[in-house]
Amino acid sequence: MTTTDSFFAICPRGLEAVLAGELAAVGATGVRAEAGGVAFAGELRTAYAANLHSRIASRVLWQIAQGSYRDEKSLYALAADVPWERHFSPRQTLRVGLNASRSPLASLEFATLTVKDAIVDRMRARAGARPSIDRARPDVRVFVYLDESAATLYLDLSGEPLFKRGWREDKGEAPLKENLAAGLLALAGWTPATPLLDPFCGSGTIVIEAASIAARRAPGLQRRFAFEKLQGFDAAAWRTLREQARAAIDDRALALIAGSDISTRVIETARRNARLAGLDAWLADGRLRLAAVDARKIEPPAPAGMIVTNPPYGEQSHPKSAPVPKMMGEVADRLKQSFAGWTAWILTSDRALPRQMRLQETRKTVLFNGPLECRFFRFEIVAGAYRPRGRAAAAAP
């Protein structure tokens, strides 16, 4: 017999709908987007597949218990009633994390200790020993979510956050997490049939994610997961999922993906990251192109295509460059001059970006890059929209 369980996949805010589609594609049922993630149901094998294949999720949690609580005593009783000994052993290390919304408890730190005490007390009573606590690299993570009246207890199935694909050597400056990069590509509607350019590629996150999508490389193939350490882990099912994912890789897929950055050093980091991601063949034959080029001098790699990029935020960009607002105006001039027919999608925390670029956005989506509220702007680059700056512009009628 198979058992259907409840799960919750966490993701960056603004990407819940995209994640819901991913989970449905791996066989999840009861998919329901909520703020900050997606609830779904399925067998444990479905949750394994979500960890392996989801490009958008940050973490997949397995719901172990849910019930009402009024105070620390009732919270302890709820946690102590869970058969933790079925899921892990006292020889493994443990960490308990807690989030809350409108909880009546006076101290969330004390609530976290209450759940931890309930788990170790039960483990000692049932297994004769208690697990040690490890806040840095635990074998098992338990997450607790409290609202005003209900507590939900989860086991983490992911371990390291899922945006850690297992290939990154160096994050470079102001890194964009891989799952947000994948979300940008999904929201933009990019497919491998469309030439792609990131003129601020940094350490290569967006273009490496795009090439991996084109090659059908499952994002979790190069890493390990927390569910592999849990008792009851179905090694045979997991082996089958990995074998199927490896068989699906197509490193001969056709695509044109280009990334550039003003820094030669950063581009070398991007190339190393691409090789670590298994994209050597893509670099060798030019389907993935990485070059040190100032975005204000960029040339289109194809007659038409799509730009998806995350330019610098704040007042300063690169030491060799201008302040960000001035630089983005100059980048826009270049786009209007040379990229007519392209679509540009730009993630920024600066709401004034369209004005700086003298472009009218055709769409904007609110997203969060970590805690930073951003806008994902869509611009259509139109032929004939270019106007030179300087004296000629001032003299124009």
Protein backbone atom coordinates (compact mmCIF):
# COMPACT_ATOMS: atom_id res chain seq x y z
CA MET A 1 0.00 0.00 0.00
CA THR A 2 1.10 3.56 -0.66
CA THR A 3 0.64 6.36 1.82
CA THR A 4 -0.29 9.91 0.91
CA ASP A 5 1.37 12.54 3.08
CA SER A 6 1.23 16.31 3.30
CA PHE A 7 4.17 18.53 2.38
CA PHE A 8 5.04 22.20 2.09
CA ALA A 9 7.59 23.63 -0.36
CA ILE A 10 9.03 27.03 0.54
CA CYS A 11 9.99 29.48 -2.20
CA PRO A 12 10.85 33.16 -2.72
CA ARG A 13 7.78 35.34 -2.42
CA GLY A 14 6.26 36.04 -5.80
CA LEU A 15 7.12 32.64 -7.29
CA GLU A 16 4.40 30.54 -5.65
CA ALA A 17 2.38 30.03 -8.85
CA VAL A 18 5.46 28.93 -10.80
CA LEU A 19 6.40 26.47 -8.06
CA ALA A 20 2.86 25.06 -8.02
CA GLY A 21 3.26 24.17 -11.70
CA GLU A 22 6.59 22.46 -11.04
CA LEU A 23 5.13 20.34 -8.24
CA ALA A 24 2.15 19.28 -10.34
CA ALA A 25 4.61 18.19 -13.04
CA VAL A 26 6.34 15.76 -10.67
CA GLY A 27 3.06 14.16 -9.62
CA ALA A 28 2.01 16.22 -6.61
CA THR A 29 -1.72 16.36 -5.83
CA GLY A 30 -3.77 18.87 -3.87
CA VAL A 31 -1.38 21.60 -4.97
CA ARG A 32 -2.25 24.87 -3.24
CA ALA A 33 -0.20 28.07 -3.49
CA GLU A 34 0.10 30.04 -0.25
CA ALA A 35 2.15 33.04 0.80
CA GLY A 36 5.78 31.99 0.69
CA GLY A 37 5.29 28.50 -0.67
CA VAL A 38 3.06 25.69 -1.89
CA ALA A 39 1.26 22.97 0.03
CA PHE A 40 0.91 19.61 -1.73
CA ALA A 41 0.24 15.94 -1.14
CA GLY A 42 1.72 12.71 -2.41
CA GLU A 43 3.87 9.74 -1.54
CA LEU A 44 7.33 10.27 -0.10
CA ARG A 45 8.64 9.44 -3.56
CA THR A 46 6.84 12.56 -4.82
CA ALA A 47 8.68 14.65 -2.24
CA TYR A 48 11.97 13.05 -3.31
CA ALA A 49 11.17 14.05 -6.90
CA ALA A 50 10.32 17.59 -5.81
CA ASN A 51 13.74 17.94 -4.18
CA LEU A 52 15.46 16.54 -7.26
CA HIS A 53 13.59 18.47 -9.94
CA SER A 54 12.28 21.72 -8.47
CA ARG A 55 14.22 24.77 -9.63
CA ILE A 56 12.03 27.19 -7.68
CA ALA A 57 11.66 25.67 -4.19
CA SER A 58 14.03 26.67 -1.38
CA ARG A 59 13.13 23.73 0.82
CA VAL A 60 10.64 20.83 1.00
CA LEU A 61 9.07 20.03 4.38
CA TRP A 62 7.18 16.90 5.41
CA GLN A 63 4.21 17.61 7.69
CA ILE A 64 4.48 15.24 10.67
CA ALA A 65 1.83 16.61 13.01
CA GLN A 66 -0.69 19.40 13.38
CA GLY A 67 -2.89 20.30 16.30
CA SER A 68 -4.23 23.08 18.50
CA TYR A 69 -2.26 24.60 21.36
CA ARG A 70 -2.94 27.19 24.02
CA ASP A 71 0.34 27.46 25.90
CA GLU A 72 3.78 25.88 26.20
CA LYS A 73 2.36 22.87 28.07
CA SER A 74 -0.03 21.94 25.25
CA LEU A 75 2.70 22.59 22.67
CA TYR A 76 4.99 20.18 24.55
CA ALA A 77 2.24 17.55 24.62
CA LEU A 78 1.65 17.86 20.87
CA ALA A 79 5.37 17.48 20.06
CA ALA A 80 5.87 14.65 22.57
CA ASP A 81 3.07 12.65 20.94
CA VAL A 82 4.93 12.40 17.62
CA PRO A 83 6.77 9.07 17.08
CA TRP A 84 10.12 10.73 16.34
CA GLU A 85 11.93 7.43 16.92
CA ARG A 86 10.40 6.15 13.67
CA HIS A 87 12.10 8.91 11.70
CA PHE A 88 15.60 9.21 13.16
CA SER A 89 17.83 7.74 15.84
CA PRO A 90 19.31 9.30 19.00
CA ARG A 91 22.76 8.95 17.40
CA GLN A 92 21.83 11.65 14.89
CA THR A 93 22.11 15.37 15.58
CA LEU A 94 19.07 17.64 15.73
CA ARG A 95 18.08 21.26 15.24
CA VAL A 96 14.64 22.79 15.87
CA GLY A 97 13.53 25.98 14.12
CA LEU A 98 10.32 27.92 14.67
CA ASN A 99 8.33 30.59 12.85
CA ALA A 100 5.12 32.16 14.06
CA SER A 101 2.31 34.47 13.03
CA ARG A 102 0.03 35.95 15.68
CA SER A 103 1.08 33.32 18.23
CA PRO A 104 -0.17 34.05 21.77
CA LEU A 105 3.04 32.71 23.34
CA ALA A 106 5.17 35.32 25.07
CA SER A 107 8.54 33.91 24.00
CA LEU A 108 9.15 32.16 20.70
CA GLU A 109 12.64 31.21 21.90
CA PHE A 110 11.08 29.41 24.86
CA ALA A 111 8.55 27.76 22.52
CA THR A 112 11.44 26.44 20.41
CA LEU A 113 13.12 25.00 23.54
CA THR A 114 9.78 23.46 24.53
CA VAL A 115 9.53 21.53 21.25
CA LYS A 116 13.18 20.50 21.47
CA ASP A 117 12.66 19.21 25.01
CA ALA A 118 9.59 17.25 23.96
CA ILE A 119 11.51 15.55 21.15
CA VAL A 120 14.59 14.62 23.19
CA ASP A 121 12.50 13.51 26.19
CA ARG A 122 10.44 11.21 23.99
CA MET A 123 13.54 9.87 22.27
CA ARG A 124 15.20 9.15 25.62
CA ALA A 125 12.07 7.38 26.88
CA ARG A 126 11.55 5.29 23.72
CA ALA A 127 15.11 4.72 22.47
CA GLY A 128 17.15 4.94 25.66
CA ALA A 129 19.22 7.94 24.54
CA ARG A 130 18.74 11.49 23.33
CA PRO A 131 20.06 13.17 20.18
CA SER A 132 22.65 15.92 20.46
CA ILE A 133 21.84 19.42 19.27
CA ASP A 134 23.81 20.82 16.31
CA ARG A 135 22.81 24.29 15.13
CA ALA A 136 25.29 24.40 12.26
CA ARG A 137 25.10 21.10 10.35
CA PRO A 138 22.45 18.87 11.94
CA ASP A 139 21.48 15.48 10.54
CA VAL A 140 17.79 16.25 11.18
CA ARG A 141 15.95 19.54 11.13
CA VAL A 142 12.49 19.97 12.67
CA PHE A 143 10.51 23.07 11.73
CA VAL A 144 7.57 24.37 13.72
CA TYR A 145 5.00 26.86 12.50
CA LEU A 146 2.62 28.51 14.96
CA ASP A 147 -0.43 30.60 14.14
CA GLU A 148 -2.87 31.98 16.68
CA SER A 149 -4.26 28.56 17.63
CA ALA A 150 -2.59 25.73 15.66
CA ALA A 151 0.92 24.28 15.59
CA THR A 152 2.30 22.40 12.58
CA LEU A 153 5.42 20.27 12.91
CA TYR A 154 7.58 19.41 9.90
CA LEU A 155 10.63 17.32 9.12
CA ASP A 156 12.97 18.97 6.65
CA LEU A 157 13.60 16.76 3.61
CA SER A 158 16.10 19.05 1.88
CA GLY A 159 18.97 19.79 4.24
CA GLU A 160 20.98 22.51 2.55
CA PRO A 161 18.63 24.98 0.80
CA LEU A 162 17.66 23.77 -2.66
CA PHE A 163 19.14 26.78 -4.41
CA LYS A 164 22.52 25.22 -3.54
CA ARG A 165 22.81 23.07 -6.64
CA GLY A 166 26.17 21.60 -5.65
CA TRP A 167 28.27 23.29 -8.34
CA ARG A 168 28.96 26.84 -7.23
CA GLU A 169 32.60 27.68 -6.58
CA ASP A 170 32.29 31.39 -5.92
CA LYS A 171 29.20 33.50 -5.48
CA GLY A 172 30.89 36.67 -6.66
CA GLU A 173 29.44 40.01 -5.60
CA ALA A 174 25.75 40.39 -4.70
CA PRO A 175 24.80 36.84 -5.71
CA LEU A 176 21.39 36.01 -7.11
CA LYS A 177 20.19 32.68 -5.72
CA GLU A 178 19.69 29.95 -8.28
CA ASN A 179 16.01 29.42 -7.52
CA LEU A 180 15.25 33.11 -7.99
CA ALA A 181 17.18 33.03 -11.28
CA ALA A 182 15.07 30.08 -12.40
CA GLY A 183 11.97 31.98 -11.34
CA LEU A 184 12.96 34.99 -13.45
CA LEU A 185 13.37 32.76 -16.50
CA ALA A 186 9.99 31.13 -15.86
CA LEU A 187 8.17 34.44 -15.34
CA ALA A 188 9.75 35.82 -18.51
CA GLY A 189 8.50 32.79 -20.43
CA TRP A 190 11.97 31.97 -21.71
CA THR A 191 12.46 28.71 -23.60
CA PRO A 192 15.65 27.33 -25.19
CA ALA A 193 14.28 28.28 -28.63
CA THR A 194 14.84 31.97 -27.76
CA PRO A 195 18.36 33.45 -27.69
CA LEU A 196 19.12 34.68 -24.17
CA LEU A 197 21.47 37.42 -22.97
CA ASP A 198 22.43 38.53 -19.45
CA PRO A 199 24.63 41.65 -19.78
CA PHE A 200 25.27 41.74 -16.00
CA CYS A 201 25.87 38.02 -15.56
CA GLY A 202 28.27 38.19 -12.60
CA SER A 203 29.23 34.67 -11.54
CA GLY A 204 26.83 33.25 -14.13
CA THR A 205 23.74 32.31 -12.14
CA ILE A 206 21.07 33.14 -14.73
CA VAL A 207 22.90 31.82 -17.79
CA ILE A 208 24.05 28.62 -16.05
CA GLU A 209 20.50 28.00 -14.86
CA ALA A 210 19.23 28.59 -18.40
CA ALA A 211 21.75 26.20 -19.96
CA SER A 212 20.89 23.58 -17.34
CA ILE A 213 17.21 23.96 -18.22
CA ALA A 214 18.00 23.59 -21.91
CA ALA A 215 20.10 20.49 -21.21
CA ARG A 216 17.34 19.05 -18.99
CA ARG A 217 19.76 18.69 -16.09
CA ALA A 218 17.82 18.11 -12.87
CA PRO A 219 19.01 20.76 -10.39
CA GLY A 220 19.46 18.26 -7.56
CA LEU A 221 21.64 15.70 -9.35
CA GLN A 222 24.93 16.97 -7.89
CA ARG A 223 23.98 17.14 -4.21
CA ARG A 224 22.73 15.19 -1.20
CA PHE A 225 19.47 15.62 0.73
CA ALA A 226 18.32 15.36 4.34
CA PHE A 227 15.75 12.66 3.51
CA GLU A 228 18.62 10.27 2.75
CA LYS A 229 19.46 10.27 6.48
CA LEU A 230 15.94 9.55 7.72
CA GLN A 231 14.79 6.11 8.82
CA GLY A 232 12.46 4.60 6.26
CA PHE A 233 14.38 6.20 3.39
CA ASP A 234 13.45 4.34 0.19
CA ALA A 235 16.87 3.96 -1.41
CA ALA A 236 15.51 1.97 -4.36
CA ALA A 237 12.94 4.62 -5.27
CA TRP A 238 15.57 7.34 -4.98
CA ARG A 239 18.02 5.40 -7.16
CA THR A 240 15.34 5.03 -9.84
CA LEU A 241 14.53 8.76 -9.77
CA ARG A 242 18.21 9.68 -10.15
CA GLU A 243 18.74 7.19 -12.99
CA GLN A 244 15.73 8.59 -14.83
CA ALA A 245 17.02 12.14 -14.34
CA ARG A 246 20.46 11.24 -15.68
CA ALA A 247 18.93 9.52 -18.70
CA ALA A 248 16.93 12.66 -19.50
CA ILE A 249 20.01 14.91 -19.85
CA ASP A 250 20.50 16.21 -23.40
CA ASP A 251 23.82 18.01 -23.72
CA ARG A 252 23.31 18.30 -27.48
CA ALA A 253 20.23 20.49 -27.09
CA LEU A 254 20.19 23.58 -29.29
CA ALA A 255 20.22 26.96 -27.58
CA LEU A 256 22.12 30.25 -27.65
CA ILE A 257 22.84 31.65 -24.19
CA ALA A 258 25.21 34.58 -23.65
CA GLY A 259 26.44 36.30 -20.52
CA SER A 260 28.76 39.25 -20.06
CA ASP A 261 30.20 41.35 -17.26
CA ILE A 262 32.58 44.28 -17.14
CA SER A 263 35.00 42.30 -14.94
CA THR A 264 37.35 39.76 -16.51
CA ARG A 265 37.87 38.17 -13.10
CA VAL A 266 34.13 37.68 -12.59
CA ILE A 267 33.77 36.14 -16.06
CA GLU A 268 36.51 33.64 -15.24
CA THR A 269 34.54 32.71 -12.12
CA ALA A 270 31.41 32.27 -14.26
CA ARG A 271 33.31 29.94 -16.61
CA ARG A 272 34.58 27.85 -13.70
CA ASN A 273 31.05 27.66 -12.29
CA ALA A 274 29.69 26.57 -15.68
CA ARG A 275 32.25 23.76 -15.89
CA LEU A 276 31.41 22.64 -12.35
CA ALA A 277 27.76 22.57 -13.43
CA GLY A 278 28.65 20.08 -16.18
CA LEU A 279 28.40 22.54 -19.05
CA ASP A 280 31.86 22.05 -20.59
CA ALA A 281 30.41 21.08 -23.98
CA TRP A 282 28.21 24.17 -24.01
CA LEU A 283 31.21 26.41 -23.43
CA ALA A 284 33.31 24.55 -25.99
CA ASP A 285 30.91 24.89 -28.92
CA GLY A 286 29.60 28.37 -28.12
CA ARG A 287 26.05 27.55 -27.10
CA LEU A 288 27.00 29.16 -23.77
CA ARG A 289 29.09 32.28 -24.37
CA LEU A 290 30.72 34.24 -21.54
CA ALA A 291 32.70 37.42 -22.24
CA ALA A 292 34.09 40.45 -20.41
CA VAL A 293 32.13 43.31 -22.00
CA ASP A 294 30.80 46.59 -20.63
CA ALA A 295 26.99 46.43 -20.81
CA ARG A 296 27.02 49.89 -22.42
CA LYS A 297 28.90 48.43 -25.39
CA ILE A 298 27.19 45.05 -25.68
CA GLU A 299 26.35 43.61 -29.09
CA PRO A 300 23.32 41.37 -29.70
CA PRO A 301 24.26 37.69 -30.13
CA ALA A 302 21.25 37.19 -32.44
CA PRO A 303 18.83 39.35 -34.47
CA ALA A 304 16.13 38.91 -31.82
CA GLY A 305 15.90 37.38 -28.39
CA MET A 306 15.40 38.00 -24.69
CA ILE A 307 17.44 39.77 -22.03
CA VAL A 308 16.98 38.55 -18.45
CA THR A 309 19.26 40.31 -16.00
CA ASN A 310 19.83 41.50 -12.45
CA PRO A 311 21.94 44.70 -12.69
CA PRO A 312 23.67 46.31 -9.71
CA TYR A 313 21.51 47.95 -7.07
CA GLY A 314 22.35 51.10 -5.14
CA GLU A 315 24.37 54.14 -6.02
CA GLN A 316 27.57 52.54 -7.31
CA SER A 317 28.09 49.73 -9.79
CA HIS A 318 31.59 48.57 -10.76
CA PRO A 319 34.57 50.80 -9.83
CA LYS A 320 35.24 51.28 -13.57
CA SER A 321 31.67 52.31 -14.22
CA ALA A 322 29.33 55.20 -13.49
CA PRO A 323 26.78 55.51 -10.69
CA VAL A 324 24.02 53.00 -11.30
CA PRO A 325 21.23 55.40 -12.45
CA LYS A 326 23.52 57.06 -15.02
CA MET A 327 24.89 53.71 -16.14
CA MET A 328 21.41 52.24 -16.66
CA GLY A 329 20.46 55.22 -18.80
CA GLU A 330 23.51 54.55 -20.96
CA VAL A 331 22.68 50.84 -21.12
CA ALA A 332 19.19 51.77 -22.29
CA ASP A 333 20.66 53.92 -25.05
CA ARG A 334 22.64 50.91 -26.21
CA LEU A 335 19.56 48.69 -26.18
CA LYS A 336 17.54 51.19 -28.20
CA GLN A 337 20.37 51.53 -30.70
CA SER A 338 21.25 47.84 -31.23
CA PHE A 339 18.56 45.58 -29.72
CA ALA A 340 15.37 46.54 -31.53
CA GLY A 341 13.04 43.56 -31.54
CA TRP A 342 14.39 42.18 -28.25
CA THR A 343 12.48 41.91 -24.98
CA ALA A 344 14.29 42.92 -21.78
CA TRP A 345 13.35 41.66 -18.32
CA ILE A 346 15.20 43.45 -15.52
CA LEU A 347 15.10 42.73 -11.78
CA THR A 348 15.82 45.75 -9.59
CA SER A 349 15.05 47.18 -6.18
CA ASP A 350 14.92 50.67 -7.74
CA ARG A 351 11.38 51.59 -8.71
CA ALA A 352 12.76 54.53 -10.68
CA LEU A 353 14.52 52.24 -13.18
CA PRO A 354 12.05 52.81 -16.06
CA ARG A 355 12.52 56.57 -15.72
CA GLN A 356 16.32 56.21 -15.57
CA MET A 357 16.22 54.13 -18.76
CA ARG A 358 13.59 56.32 -20.45
CA LEU A 359 11.57 53.19 -21.17
CA GLN A 360 7.97 52.33 -20.43
CA GLU A 361 7.54 48.95 -18.80
CA THR A 362 4.90 46.66 -20.28
CA ARG A 363 4.72 44.51 -17.15
CA LYS A 364 6.07 44.51 -13.61
CA THR A 365 6.03 41.78 -10.98
CA VAL A 366 6.84 42.21 -7.29
CA LEU A 367 9.53 39.75 -6.17
CA PHE A 368 11.83 39.44 -3.19
CA ASN A 369 15.58 38.96 -3.51
CA GLY A 370 16.08 37.72 0.04
CA PRO A 371 14.47 40.39 2.24
CA LEU A 372 14.80 43.06 -0.48
CA GLU A 373 11.59 44.00 -2.25
CA CYS A 374 12.19 44.23 -5.99
CA ARG A 375 10.37 44.79 -9.28
CA PHE A 376 10.80 42.54 -12.31
CA PHE A 377 10.21 44.94 -15.23
CA ARG A 378 9.48 43.91 -18.80
CA PHE A 379 10.47 46.27 -21.62
CA GLU A 380 9.90 45.92 -25.36
CA ILE A 381 12.88 47.36 -27.22
CA VAL A 382 11.41 49.18 -30.20
CA ALA A 383 13.19 50.10 -33.44
CA GLY A 384 13.72 53.81 -33.87
CA ALA A 385 13.40 54.63 -30.17
CA TYR A 386 17.07 55.55 -29.80
CA ARG A 387 17.89 59.18 -29.12
CA PRO A 388 21.57 60.17 -28.74
CA ARG A 389 22.60 62.01 -25.60
CA GLY A 390 24.61 65.19 -25.39
CA ARG A 391 24.70 68.21 -27.68
CA ALA A 392 22.95 66.49 -30.61
CA ALA A 393 20.02 65.57 -28.40
CA ALA A 394 19.81 69.07 -26.98
CA ALA A 395 19.83 70.57 -30.47
CA ALA A 396 17.16 68.21 -31.80
CA PRO A 397 13.85 69.98 -32.57
